[in-house]
PDB file of all heavy atoms in Angstrom:
ATOM      1  N   ALA A   1       0.826  -1.205   0.000  1.00  0.00           N
ATOM      2  CA  ALA A   1       0.000   0.000   0.000  1.00  0.00           C
ATOM      3  C   ALA A   1       0.860   1.255   0.000  1.00  0.00           C
ATOM      4  O   ALA A   1       0.588   2.219  -0.737  1.00  0.00           O
ATOM      5  CB  ALA A   1      -0.924  -0.012   1.216  1.00  0.00           C
ATOM      6  N   LEU A   2       1.909   1.257   0.823  1.00  0.00           N
ATOM      7  CA  LEU A   2       2.792   2.420   0.850  1.00  0.00           C
ATOM      8  C   LEU A   2       3.479   2.635  -0.496  1.00  0.00           C
ATOM      9  O   LEU A   2       3.583   3.761  -0.985  1.00  0.00           O
ATOM     10  CB  LEU A   2       3.840   2.246   1.941  1.00  0.00           C
ATOM     11  CG  LEU A   2       3.447   2.661   3.365  1.00  0.00           C
ATOM     12  CD1 LEU A   2       4.531   2.274   4.353  1.00  0.00           C
ATOM     13  CD2 LEU A   2       3.190   4.169   3.435  1.00  0.00           C
ATOM     14  N   LEU A   3       3.974   1.572  -1.093  1.00  0.00           N
ATOM     15  CA  LEU A   3       4.650   1.673  -2.388  1.00  0.00           C
ATOM     16  C   LEU A   3       3.702   2.189  -3.467  1.00  0.00           C
ATOM     17  O   LEU A   3       4.103   2.953  -4.353  1.00  0.00           O
ATOM     18  CB  LEU A   3       5.228   0.312  -2.783  1.00  0.00           C
ATOM     19  CG  LEU A   3       6.444  -0.146  -1.963  1.00  0.00           C
ATOM     20  CD1 LEU A   3       6.705  -1.634  -2.180  1.00  0.00           C
ATOM     21  CD2 LEU A   3       7.680   0.665  -2.336  1.00  0.00           C
ATOM     22  N   ARG A   4       2.472   1.780  -3.366  1.00  0.00           N
ATOM     23  CA  ARG A   4       1.481   2.240  -4.352  1.00  0.00           C
ATOM     24  C   ARG A   4       1.261   3.737  -4.223  1.00  0.00           C
ATOM     25  O   ARG A   4       1.215   4.472  -5.221  1.00  0.00           O
ATOM     26  CB  ARG A   4       0.169   1.484  -4.122  1.00  0.00           C
ATOM     27  CG  ARG A   4      -0.805   1.572  -5.272  1.00  0.00           C
ATOM     28  CD  ARG A   4      -2.027   0.749  -4.972  1.00  0.00           C
ATOM     29  NE  ARG A   4      -2.871   0.596  -6.145  1.00  0.00           N
ATOM     30  CZ  ARG A   4      -4.108   0.125  -6.116  1.00  0.00           C
ATOM     31  NH1 ARG A   4      -4.629  -0.254  -4.946  1.00  0.00           N
ATOM     32  NH2 ARG A   4      -4.821   0.009  -7.215  1.00  0.00           N
ATOM     33  N   VAL A   5       1.161   4.218  -2.967  1.00  0.00           N
ATOM     34  CA  VAL A   5       0.976   5.646  -2.736  1.00  0.00           C
ATOM     35  C   VAL A   5       2.201   6.436  -3.187  1.00  0.00           C
ATOM     36  O   VAL A   5       2.095   7.541  -3.719  1.00  0.00           O
ATOM     37  CB  VAL A   5       0.686   5.901  -1.238  1.00  0.00           C
ATOM     38  CG1 VAL A   5       0.725   7.396  -0.927  1.00  0.00           C
ATOM     39  CG2 VAL A   5      -0.658   5.313  -0.861  1.00  0.00           C
ATOM     40  N   MET A   6       3.378   5.862  -2.993  1.00  0.00           N
ATOM     41  CA  MET A   6       4.622   6.544  -3.366  1.00  0.00           C
ATOM     42  C   MET A   6       4.837   6.615  -4.872  1.00  0.00           C
ATOM     43  O   MET A   6       5.742   7.303  -5.342  1.00  0.00           O
ATOM     44  CB  MET A   6       5.821   5.834  -2.727  1.00  0.00           C
ATOM     45  CG  MET A   6       5.905   5.983  -1.228  1.00  0.00           C
ATOM     46  SD  MET A   6       7.321   5.036  -0.586  1.00  0.00           S
ATOM     47  CE  MET A   6       7.165   5.344   1.174  1.00  0.00           C
ATOM     48  N   GLY A   7       4.051   5.868  -5.636  1.00  0.00           N
ATOM     49  CA  GLY A   7       4.198   5.908  -7.088  1.00  0.00           C
ATOM     50  C   GLY A   7       5.116   4.846  -7.658  1.00  0.00           C
ATOM     51  O   GLY A   7       5.546   4.950  -8.815  1.00  0.00           O
ATOM     52  N   CYS A   8       5.445   3.812  -6.863  1.00  0.00           N
ATOM     53  CA  CYS A   8       6.275   2.718  -7.375  1.00  0.00           C
ATOM     54  C   CYS A   8       5.531   2.000  -8.502  1.00  0.00           C
ATOM     55  O   CYS A   8       4.313   1.817  -8.444  1.00  0.00           O
ATOM     56  CB  CYS A   8       6.585   1.751  -6.232  1.00  0.00           C
ATOM     57  SG  CYS A   8       7.709   0.424  -6.677  1.00  0.00           S
ATOM     58  N   ASP A   9       6.227   1.590  -9.521  1.00  0.00           N
ATOM     59  CA  ASP A   9       5.591   0.984 -10.690  1.00  0.00           C
ATOM     60  C   ASP A   9       5.320  -0.504 -10.501  1.00  0.00           C
ATOM     61  O   ASP A   9       4.224  -0.988 -10.819  1.00  0.00           O
ATOM     62  CB  ASP A   9       6.483   1.179 -11.922  1.00  0.00           C
ATOM     63  CG  ASP A   9       6.770   2.647 -12.189  1.00  0.00           C
ATOM     64  OD1 ASP A   9       5.816   3.366 -12.528  1.00  0.00           O
ATOM     65  OD2 ASP A   9       7.925   3.059 -12.042  1.00  0.00           O
ATOM     66  N   LEU A  10       6.339  -1.253 -10.030  1.00  0.00           N
ATOM     67  CA  LEU A  10       6.248  -2.717  -9.968  1.00  0.00           C
ATOM     68  C   LEU A  10       6.731  -3.206  -8.609  1.00  0.00           C
ATOM     69  O   LEU A  10       7.544  -2.556  -7.946  1.00  0.00           O
ATOM     70  CB  LEU A  10       7.111  -3.360 -11.059  1.00  0.00           C
ATOM     71  CG  LEU A  10       6.835  -2.946 -12.505  1.00  0.00           C
ATOM     72  CD1 LEU A  10       8.015  -3.314 -13.388  1.00  0.00           C
ATOM     73  CD2 LEU A  10       5.577  -3.632 -13.015  1.00  0.00           C
ATOM     74  N   ILE A  11       6.239  -4.393  -8.216  1.00  0.00           N
ATOM     75  CA  ILE A  11       6.728  -5.026  -7.000  1.00  0.00           C
ATOM     76  C   ILE A  11       6.963  -6.508  -7.274  1.00  0.00           C
ATOM     77  O   ILE A  11       6.354  -7.102  -8.165  1.00  0.00           O
ATOM     78  CB  ILE A  11       5.744  -4.873  -5.817  1.00  0.00           C
ATOM     79  CG1 ILE A  11       4.395  -5.522  -6.153  1.00  0.00           C
ATOM     80  CG2 ILE A  11       5.580  -3.420  -5.421  1.00  0.00           C
ATOM     81  CD1 ILE A  11       3.435  -5.589  -4.976  1.00  0.00           C
ATOM     82  N   GLN A  12       7.857  -7.103  -6.488  1.00  0.00           N
ATOM     83  CA  GLN A  12       8.029  -8.543  -6.483  1.00  0.00           C
ATOM     84  C   GLN A  12       8.453  -8.959  -5.089  1.00  0.00           C
ATOM     85  O   GLN A  12       9.089  -8.199  -4.360  1.00  0.00           O
ATOM     86  CB  GLN A  12       9.034  -9.009  -7.532  1.00  0.00           C
ATOM     87  CG  GLN A  12      10.482  -8.672  -7.275  1.00  0.00           C
ATOM     88  CD  GLN A  12      11.421  -9.175  -8.367  1.00  0.00           C
ATOM     89  OE1 GLN A  12      11.639  -8.492  -9.362  1.00  0.00           O
ATOM     90  NE2 GLN A  12      11.987 -10.357  -8.165  1.00  0.00           N
ATOM     91  N   GLY A  13       8.097 -10.159  -4.699  1.00  0.00           N
ATOM     92  CA  GLY A  13       8.427 -10.634  -3.362  1.00  0.00           C
ATOM     93  C   GLY A  13       7.484 -11.742  -2.942  1.00  0.00           C
ATOM     94  O   GLY A  13       6.574 -12.148  -3.686  1.00  0.00           O
ATOM     95  N   PHE A  14       7.660 -12.233  -1.726  1.00  0.00           N
ATOM     96  CA  PHE A  14       6.879 -13.369  -1.249  1.00  0.00           C
ATOM     97  C   PHE A  14       5.401 -13.032  -1.088  1.00  0.00           C
ATOM     98  O   PHE A  14       4.558 -13.938  -1.065  1.00  0.00           O
ATOM     99  CB  PHE A  14       7.447 -13.880   0.073  1.00  0.00           C
ATOM    100  CG  PHE A  14       8.704 -14.675  -0.088  1.00  0.00           C
ATOM    101  CD1 PHE A  14       9.916 -14.182   0.352  1.00  0.00           C
ATOM    102  CD2 PHE A  14       8.687 -15.919  -0.703  1.00  0.00           C
ATOM    103  CE1 PHE A  14      11.082 -14.909   0.190  1.00  0.00           C
ATOM    104  CE2 PHE A  14       9.847 -16.657  -0.873  1.00  0.00           C
ATOM    105  CZ  PHE A  14      11.049 -16.155  -0.427  1.00  0.00           C
ATOM    106  N   LEU A  15       5.060 -11.745  -0.930  1.00  0.00           N
ATOM    107  CA  LEU A  15       3.644 -11.383  -0.878  1.00  0.00           C
ATOM    108  C   LEU A  15       2.934 -11.805  -2.157  1.00  0.00           C
ATOM    109  O   LEU A  15       1.767 -12.239  -2.127  1.00  0.00           O
ATOM    110  CB  LEU A  15       3.500  -9.871  -0.678  1.00  0.00           C
ATOM    111  CG  LEU A  15       2.061  -9.344  -0.679  1.00  0.00           C
ATOM    112  CD1 LEU A  15       1.300  -9.874   0.531  1.00  0.00           C
ATOM    113  CD2 LEU A  15       2.038  -7.816  -0.705  1.00  0.00           C
ATOM    114  N   ILE A  16       3.619 -11.703  -3.279  1.00  0.00           N
ATOM    115  CA  ILE A  16       3.041 -12.099  -4.566  1.00  0.00           C
ATOM    116  C   ILE A  16       3.270 -13.584  -4.792  1.00  0.00           C
ATOM    117  O   ILE A  16       2.322 -14.359  -4.944  1.00  0.00           O
ATOM    118  CB  ILE A  16       3.664 -11.292  -5.714  1.00  0.00           C
ATOM    119  CG1 ILE A  16       3.587  -9.794  -5.410  1.00  0.00           C
ATOM    120  CG2 ILE A  16       3.002 -11.641  -7.037  1.00  0.00           C
ATOM    121  CD1 ILE A  16       2.194  -9.274  -5.163  1.00  0.00           C
ATOM    122  N   ALA A  17       4.526 -14.002  -4.815  1.00  0.00           N
ATOM    123  CA  ALA A  17       4.882 -15.415  -5.009  1.00  0.00           C
ATOM    124  C   ALA A  17       6.389 -15.557  -4.860  1.00  0.00           C
ATOM    125  O   ALA A  17       7.134 -14.631  -5.185  1.00  0.00           O
ATOM    126  CB  ALA A  17       4.446 -15.910  -6.392  1.00  0.00           C
ATOM    127  N   PRO A  18       6.856 -16.693  -4.368  1.00  0.00           N
ATOM    128  CA  PRO A  18       8.300 -16.961  -4.391  1.00  0.00           C
ATOM    129  C   PRO A  18       8.738 -17.301  -5.814  1.00  0.00           C
ATOM    130  O   PRO A  18       7.914 -17.338  -6.737  1.00  0.00           O
ATOM    131  CB  PRO A  18       8.433 -18.169  -3.461  1.00  0.00           C
ATOM    132  CG  PRO A  18       7.138 -18.893  -3.620  1.00  0.00           C
ATOM    133  CD  PRO A  18       6.091 -17.824  -3.803  1.00  0.00           C
ATOM    134  N   ALA A  19      10.026 -17.533  -6.003  1.00  0.00           N
ATOM    135  CA  ALA A  19      10.506 -18.003  -7.302  1.00  0.00           C
ATOM    136  C   ALA A  19       9.966 -19.404  -7.546  1.00  0.00           C
ATOM    137  O   ALA A  19      10.119 -20.290  -6.698  1.00  0.00           O
ATOM    138  CB  ALA A  19      12.032 -18.000  -7.332  1.00  0.00           C
ATOM    139  N   LEU A  20       9.338 -19.609  -8.709  1.00  0.00           N
ATOM    140  CA  LEU A  20       8.633 -20.857  -9.005  1.00  0.00           C
ATOM    141  C   LEU A  20       9.246 -21.570 -10.207  1.00  0.00           C
ATOM    142  O   LEU A  20       9.655 -20.910 -11.171  1.00  0.00           O
ATOM    143  CB  LEU A  20       7.160 -20.561  -9.308  1.00  0.00           C
ATOM    144  CG  LEU A  20       6.358 -19.838  -8.212  1.00  0.00           C
ATOM    145  CD1 LEU A  20       5.025 -19.356  -8.773  1.00  0.00           C
ATOM    146  CD2 LEU A  20       6.147 -20.753  -7.017  1.00  0.00           C
ATOM    147  N   PRO A  21       9.296 -22.916 -10.185  1.00  0.00           N
ATOM    148  CA  PRO A  21       9.673 -23.651 -11.402  1.00  0.00           C
ATOM    149  C   PRO A  21       8.725 -23.294 -12.537  1.00  0.00           C
ATOM    150  O   PRO A  21       7.590 -22.850 -12.305  1.00  0.00           O
ATOM    151  CB  PRO A  21       9.547 -25.117 -10.980  1.00  0.00           C
ATOM    152  CG  PRO A  21       9.630 -25.105  -9.489  1.00  0.00           C
ATOM    153  CD  PRO A  21       9.027 -23.807  -9.040  1.00  0.00           C
ATOM    154  N   ILE A  22       9.161 -23.521 -13.759  1.00  0.00           N
ATOM    155  CA  ILE A  22       8.430 -23.025 -14.915  1.00  0.00           C
ATOM    156  C   ILE A  22       6.965 -23.477 -14.946  1.00  0.00           C
ATOM    157  O   ILE A  22       6.064 -22.673 -15.203  1.00  0.00           O
ATOM    158  CB  ILE A  22       9.153 -23.419 -16.234  1.00  0.00           C
ATOM    159  CG1 ILE A  22       8.402 -22.897 -17.449  1.00  0.00           C
ATOM    160  CG2 ILE A  22       9.393 -24.910 -16.315  1.00  0.00           C
ATOM    161  CD1 ILE A  22       8.288 -21.402 -17.525  1.00  0.00           C
ATOM    162  N   LEU A  23       6.684 -24.745 -14.658  1.00  0.00           N
ATOM    163  CA  LEU A  23       5.296 -25.217 -14.714  1.00  0.00           C
ATOM    164  C   LEU A  23       4.450 -24.587 -13.617  1.00  0.00           C
ATOM    165  O   LEU A  23       3.287 -24.204 -13.848  1.00  0.00           O
ATOM    166  CB  LEU A  23       5.251 -26.745 -14.620  1.00  0.00           C
ATOM    167  CG  LEU A  23       5.927 -27.493 -15.775  1.00  0.00           C
ATOM    168  CD1 LEU A  23       5.806 -29.005 -15.579  1.00  0.00           C
ATOM    169  CD2 LEU A  23       5.308 -27.077 -17.114  1.00  0.00           C
ATOM    170  N   SER A  24       5.017 -24.435 -12.417  1.00  0.00           N
ATOM    171  CA  SER A  24       4.290 -23.764 -11.332  1.00  0.00           C
ATOM    172  C   SER A  24       4.073 -22.295 -11.663  1.00  0.00           C
ATOM    173  O   SER A  24       3.024 -21.720 -11.336  1.00  0.00           O
ATOM    174  CB  SER A  24       5.071 -23.899 -10.019  1.00  0.00           C
ATOM    175  OG  SER A  24       5.222 -25.255  -9.650  1.00  0.00           O
ATOM    176  N   PHE A  25       5.047 -21.675 -12.316  1.00  0.00           N
ATOM    177  CA  PHE A  25       4.890 -20.280 -12.713  1.00  0.00           C
ATOM    178  C   PHE A  25       3.756 -20.126 -13.726  1.00  0.00           C
ATOM    179  O   PHE A  25       2.969 -19.177 -13.649  1.00  0.00           O
ATOM    180  CB  PHE A  25       6.199 -19.753 -13.291  1.00  0.00           C
ATOM    181  CG  PHE A  25       6.135 -18.323 -13.746  1.00  0.00           C
ATOM    182  CD1 PHE A  25       6.229 -17.289 -12.834  1.00  0.00           C
ATOM    183  CD2 PHE A  25       5.965 -18.006 -15.089  1.00  0.00           C
ATOM    184  CE1 PHE A  25       6.163 -15.960 -13.243  1.00  0.00           C
ATOM    185  CE2 PHE A  25       5.892 -16.694 -15.508  1.00  0.00           C
ATOM    186  CZ  PHE A  25       5.994 -15.668 -14.584  1.00  0.00           C
ATOM    187  N   LEU A  26       3.667 -21.052 -14.657  1.00  0.00           N
ATOM    188  CA  LEU A  26       2.581 -20.989 -15.642  1.00  0.00           C
ATOM    189  C   LEU A  26       1.218 -21.137 -14.966  1.00  0.00           C
ATOM    190  O   LEU A  26       0.251 -20.453 -15.342  1.00  0.00           O
ATOM    191  CB  LEU A  26       2.782 -22.073 -16.702  1.00  0.00           C
ATOM    192  CG  LEU A  26       3.953 -21.852 -17.669  1.00  0.00           C
ATOM    193  CD1 LEU A  26       4.172 -23.079 -18.533  1.00  0.00           C
ATOM    194  CD2 LEU A  26       3.711 -20.622 -18.540  1.00  0.00           C
ATOM    195  N   ARG A  27       1.120 -22.029 -13.968  1.00  0.00           N
ATOM    196  CA  ARG A  27      -0.145 -22.175 -13.233  1.00  0.00           C
ATOM    197  C   ARG A  27      -0.469 -20.895 -12.464  1.00  0.00           C
ATOM    198  O   ARG A  27      -1.630 -20.469 -12.417  1.00  0.00           O
ATOM    199  CB  ARG A  27      -0.059 -23.360 -12.274  1.00  0.00           C
ATOM    200  CG  ARG A  27      -0.185 -24.715 -12.959  1.00  0.00           C
ATOM    201  CD  ARG A  27      -0.438 -25.828 -11.955  1.00  0.00           C
ATOM    202  NE  ARG A  27       0.708 -26.047 -11.081  1.00  0.00           N
ATOM    203  CZ  ARG A  27       1.697 -26.884 -11.370  1.00  0.00           C
ATOM    204  NH1 ARG A  27       1.677 -27.577 -12.505  1.00  0.00           N
ATOM    205  NH2 ARG A  27       2.701 -27.038 -10.535  1.00  0.00           N
ATOM    206  N   PHE A  28       0.566 -20.264 -11.869  1.00  0.00           N
ATOM    207  CA  PHE A  28       0.346 -19.002 -11.162  1.00  0.00           C
ATOM    208  C   PHE A  28      -0.207 -17.945 -12.118  1.00  0.00           C
ATOM    209  O   PHE A  28      -1.148 -17.209 -11.774  1.00  0.00           O
ATOM    210  CB  PHE A  28       1.654 -18.523 -10.532  1.00  0.00           C
ATOM    211  CG  PHE A  28       1.587 -17.116  -9.987  1.00  0.00           C
ATOM    212  CD1 PHE A  28       1.101 -16.885  -8.710  1.00  0.00           C
ATOM    213  CD2 PHE A  28       1.981 -16.028 -10.760  1.00  0.00           C
ATOM    214  CE1 PHE A  28       1.024 -15.586  -8.205  1.00  0.00           C
ATOM    215  CE2 PHE A  28       1.900 -14.741 -10.263  1.00  0.00           C
ATOM    216  CZ  PHE A  28       1.425 -14.518  -8.987  1.00  0.00           C
ATOM    217  N   CYS A  29       0.381 -17.835 -13.302  1.00  0.00           N
ATOM    218  CA  CYS A  29      -0.084 -16.851 -14.287  1.00  0.00           C
ATOM    219  C   CYS A  29      -1.535 -17.105 -14.673  1.00  0.00           C
ATOM    220  O   CYS A  29      -2.346 -16.166 -14.774  1.00  0.00           O
ATOM    221  CB  CYS A  29       0.817 -16.884 -15.516  1.00  0.00           C
ATOM    222  SG  CYS A  29       2.493 -16.285 -15.235  1.00  0.00           S
ATOM    223  N   ARG A  30      -1.878 -18.366 -14.891  1.00  0.00           N
ATOM    224  CA  ARG A  30      -3.267 -18.700 -15.258  1.00  0.00           C
ATOM    225  C   ARG A  30      -4.228 -18.325 -14.133  1.00  0.00           C
ATOM    226  O   ARG A  30      -5.258 -17.675 -14.370  1.00  0.00           O
ATOM    227  CB  ARG A  30      -3.364 -20.191 -15.553  1.00  0.00           C
ATOM    228  CG  ARG A  30      -4.750 -20.664 -15.986  1.00  0.00           C
ATOM    229  CD  ARG A  30      -4.836 -22.172 -15.862  1.00  0.00           C
ATOM    230  NE  ARG A  30      -4.627 -22.590 -14.468  1.00  0.00           N
ATOM    231  CZ  ARG A  30      -4.374 -23.841 -14.101  1.00  0.00           C
ATOM    232  NH1 ARG A  30      -4.270 -24.793 -15.007  1.00  0.00           N
ATOM    233  NH2 ARG A  30      -4.204 -24.139 -12.813  1.00  0.00           N
ATOM    234  N   ASP A  31      -3.897 -18.717 -12.908  1.00  0.00           N
ATOM    235  CA  ASP A  31      -4.783 -18.426 -11.774  1.00  0.00           C
ATOM    236  C   ASP A  31      -4.900 -16.920 -11.544  1.00  0.00           C
ATOM    237  O   ASP A  31      -5.986 -16.412 -11.208  1.00  0.00           O
ATOM    238  CB  ASP A  31      -4.258 -19.102 -10.501  1.00  0.00           C
ATOM    239  CG  ASP A  31      -4.287 -20.618 -10.596  1.00  0.00           C
ATOM    240  OD1 ASP A  31      -4.989 -21.138 -11.504  1.00  0.00           O
ATOM    241  OD2 ASP A  31      -3.608 -21.275  -9.783  1.00  0.00           O
ATOM    242  N   HIS A  32      -3.793 -16.206 -11.712  1.00  0.00           N
ATOM    243  CA  HIS A  32      -3.816 -14.756 -11.504  1.00  0.00           C
ATOM    244  C   HIS A  32      -4.699 -14.076 -12.549  1.00  0.00           C
ATOM    245  O   HIS A  32      -5.467 -13.165 -12.210  1.00  0.00           O
ATOM    246  CB  HIS A  32      -2.396 -14.206 -11.575  1.00  0.00           C
ATOM    247  CG  HIS A  32      -2.304 -12.742 -11.234  1.00  0.00           C
ATOM    248  ND1 HIS A  32      -2.203 -12.285  -9.945  1.00  0.00           N
ATOM    249  CD2 HIS A  32      -2.314 -11.622 -12.025  1.00  0.00           C
ATOM    250  CE1 HIS A  32      -2.139 -10.964  -9.942  1.00  0.00           C
ATOM    251  NE2 HIS A  32      -2.197 -10.541 -11.197  1.00  0.00           N
ATOM    252  N   ARG A  33      -4.597 -14.509 -13.795  1.00  0.00           N
ATOM    253  CA  ARG A  33      -5.442 -13.922 -14.844  1.00  0.00           C
ATOM    254  C   ARG A  33      -6.916 -14.162 -14.545  1.00  0.00           C
ATOM    255  O   ARG A  33      -7.756 -13.271 -14.712  1.00  0.00           O
ATOM    256  CB  ARG A  33      -5.083 -14.524 -16.207  1.00  0.00           C
ATOM    257  CG  ARG A  33      -3.798 -13.990 -16.815  1.00  0.00           C
ATOM    258  CD  ARG A  33      -3.722 -14.319 -18.304  1.00  0.00           C
ATOM    259  NE  ARG A  33      -3.860 -15.738 -18.557  1.00  0.00           N
ATOM    260  CZ  ARG A  33      -2.846 -16.605 -18.604  1.00  0.00           C
ATOM    261  NH1 ARG A  33      -1.619 -16.161 -18.387  1.00  0.00           N
ATOM    262  NH2 ARG A  33      -3.050 -17.882 -18.859  1.00  0.00           N
ATOM    263  N   GLU A  34      -7.248 -15.365 -14.118  1.00  0.00           N
ATOM    264  CA  GLU A  34      -8.645 -15.688 -13.823  1.00  0.00           C
ATOM    265  C   GLU A  34      -9.159 -14.874 -12.646  1.00  0.00           C
ATOM    266  O   GLU A  34     -10.291 -14.376 -12.656  1.00  0.00           O
ATOM    267  CB  GLU A  34      -8.783 -17.182 -13.535  1.00  0.00           C
ATOM    268  CG  GLU A  34      -8.523 -18.065 -14.752  1.00  0.00           C
ATOM    269  CD  GLU A  34      -8.544 -19.540 -14.417  1.00  0.00           C
ATOM    270  OE1 GLU A  34      -8.655 -19.873 -13.207  1.00  0.00           O
ATOM    271  OE2 GLU A  34      -8.436 -20.360 -15.345  1.00  0.00           O
ATOM    272  N   ALA A  35      -8.305 -14.701 -11.615  1.00  0.00           N
ATOM    273  CA  ALA A  35      -8.721 -13.919 -10.450  1.00  0.00           C
ATOM    274  C   ALA A  35      -8.915 -12.455 -10.813  1.00  0.00           C
ATOM    275  O   ALA A  35      -9.874 -11.803 -10.366  1.00  0.00           O
ATOM    276  CB  ALA A  35      -7.688 -14.063  -9.336  1.00  0.00           C
ATOM    277  N   GLU A  36      -8.047 -11.929 -11.648  1.00  0.00           N
ATOM    278  CA  GLU A  36      -8.151 -10.531 -12.038  1.00  0.00           C
ATOM    279  C   GLU A  36      -9.353 -10.294 -12.950  1.00  0.00           C
ATOM    280  O   GLU A  36      -9.979  -9.230 -12.908  1.00  0.00           O
ATOM    281  CB  GLU A  36      -6.866 -10.075 -12.728  1.00  0.00           C
ATOM    282  CG  GLU A  36      -5.689  -9.885 -11.788  1.00  0.00           C
ATOM    283  CD  GLU A  36      -5.970  -8.864 -10.702  1.00  0.00           C
ATOM    284  OE1 GLU A  36      -6.280  -7.704 -11.054  1.00  0.00           O
ATOM    285  OE2 GLU A  36      -5.910  -9.223  -9.522  1.00  0.00           O
ATOM    286  N   ALA A  37      -9.667 -11.289 -13.762  1.00  0.00           N
ATOM    287  CA  ALA A  37     -10.811 -11.138 -14.672  1.00  0.00           C
ATOM    288  C   ALA A  37     -12.122 -11.027 -13.906  1.00  0.00           C
ATOM    289  O   ALA A  37     -13.057 -10.330 -14.340  1.00  0.00           O
ATOM    290  CB  ALA A  37     -10.864 -12.321 -15.633  1.00  0.00           C
ATOM    291  N   SER A  38     -12.218 -11.683 -12.765  1.00  0.00           N
ATOM    292  CA  SER A  38     -13.456 -11.656 -11.984  1.00  0.00           C
ATOM    293  C   SER A  38     -13.462 -10.555 -10.931  1.00  0.00           C
ATOM    294  O   SER A  38     -14.486 -10.304 -10.298  1.00  0.00           O
ATOM    295  CB  SER A  38     -13.652 -13.006 -11.278  1.00  0.00           C
ATOM    296  OG  SER A  38     -12.564 -13.289 -10.415  1.00  0.00           O
TER     297      SER A  38
END
C-alpha cells in the first residue's frame, strides 16, 4: 500500500509469489489472470 501511494511501478516478493519452477509459474499466471478477470 505504501509503495502504491509513493508511485512505485512494480513489486516482487513473497507477498506475490516466491521463485517458481516453470510449470508452477505458468499455473500461477493462469490463476492470476482468472482472479483478475473476476
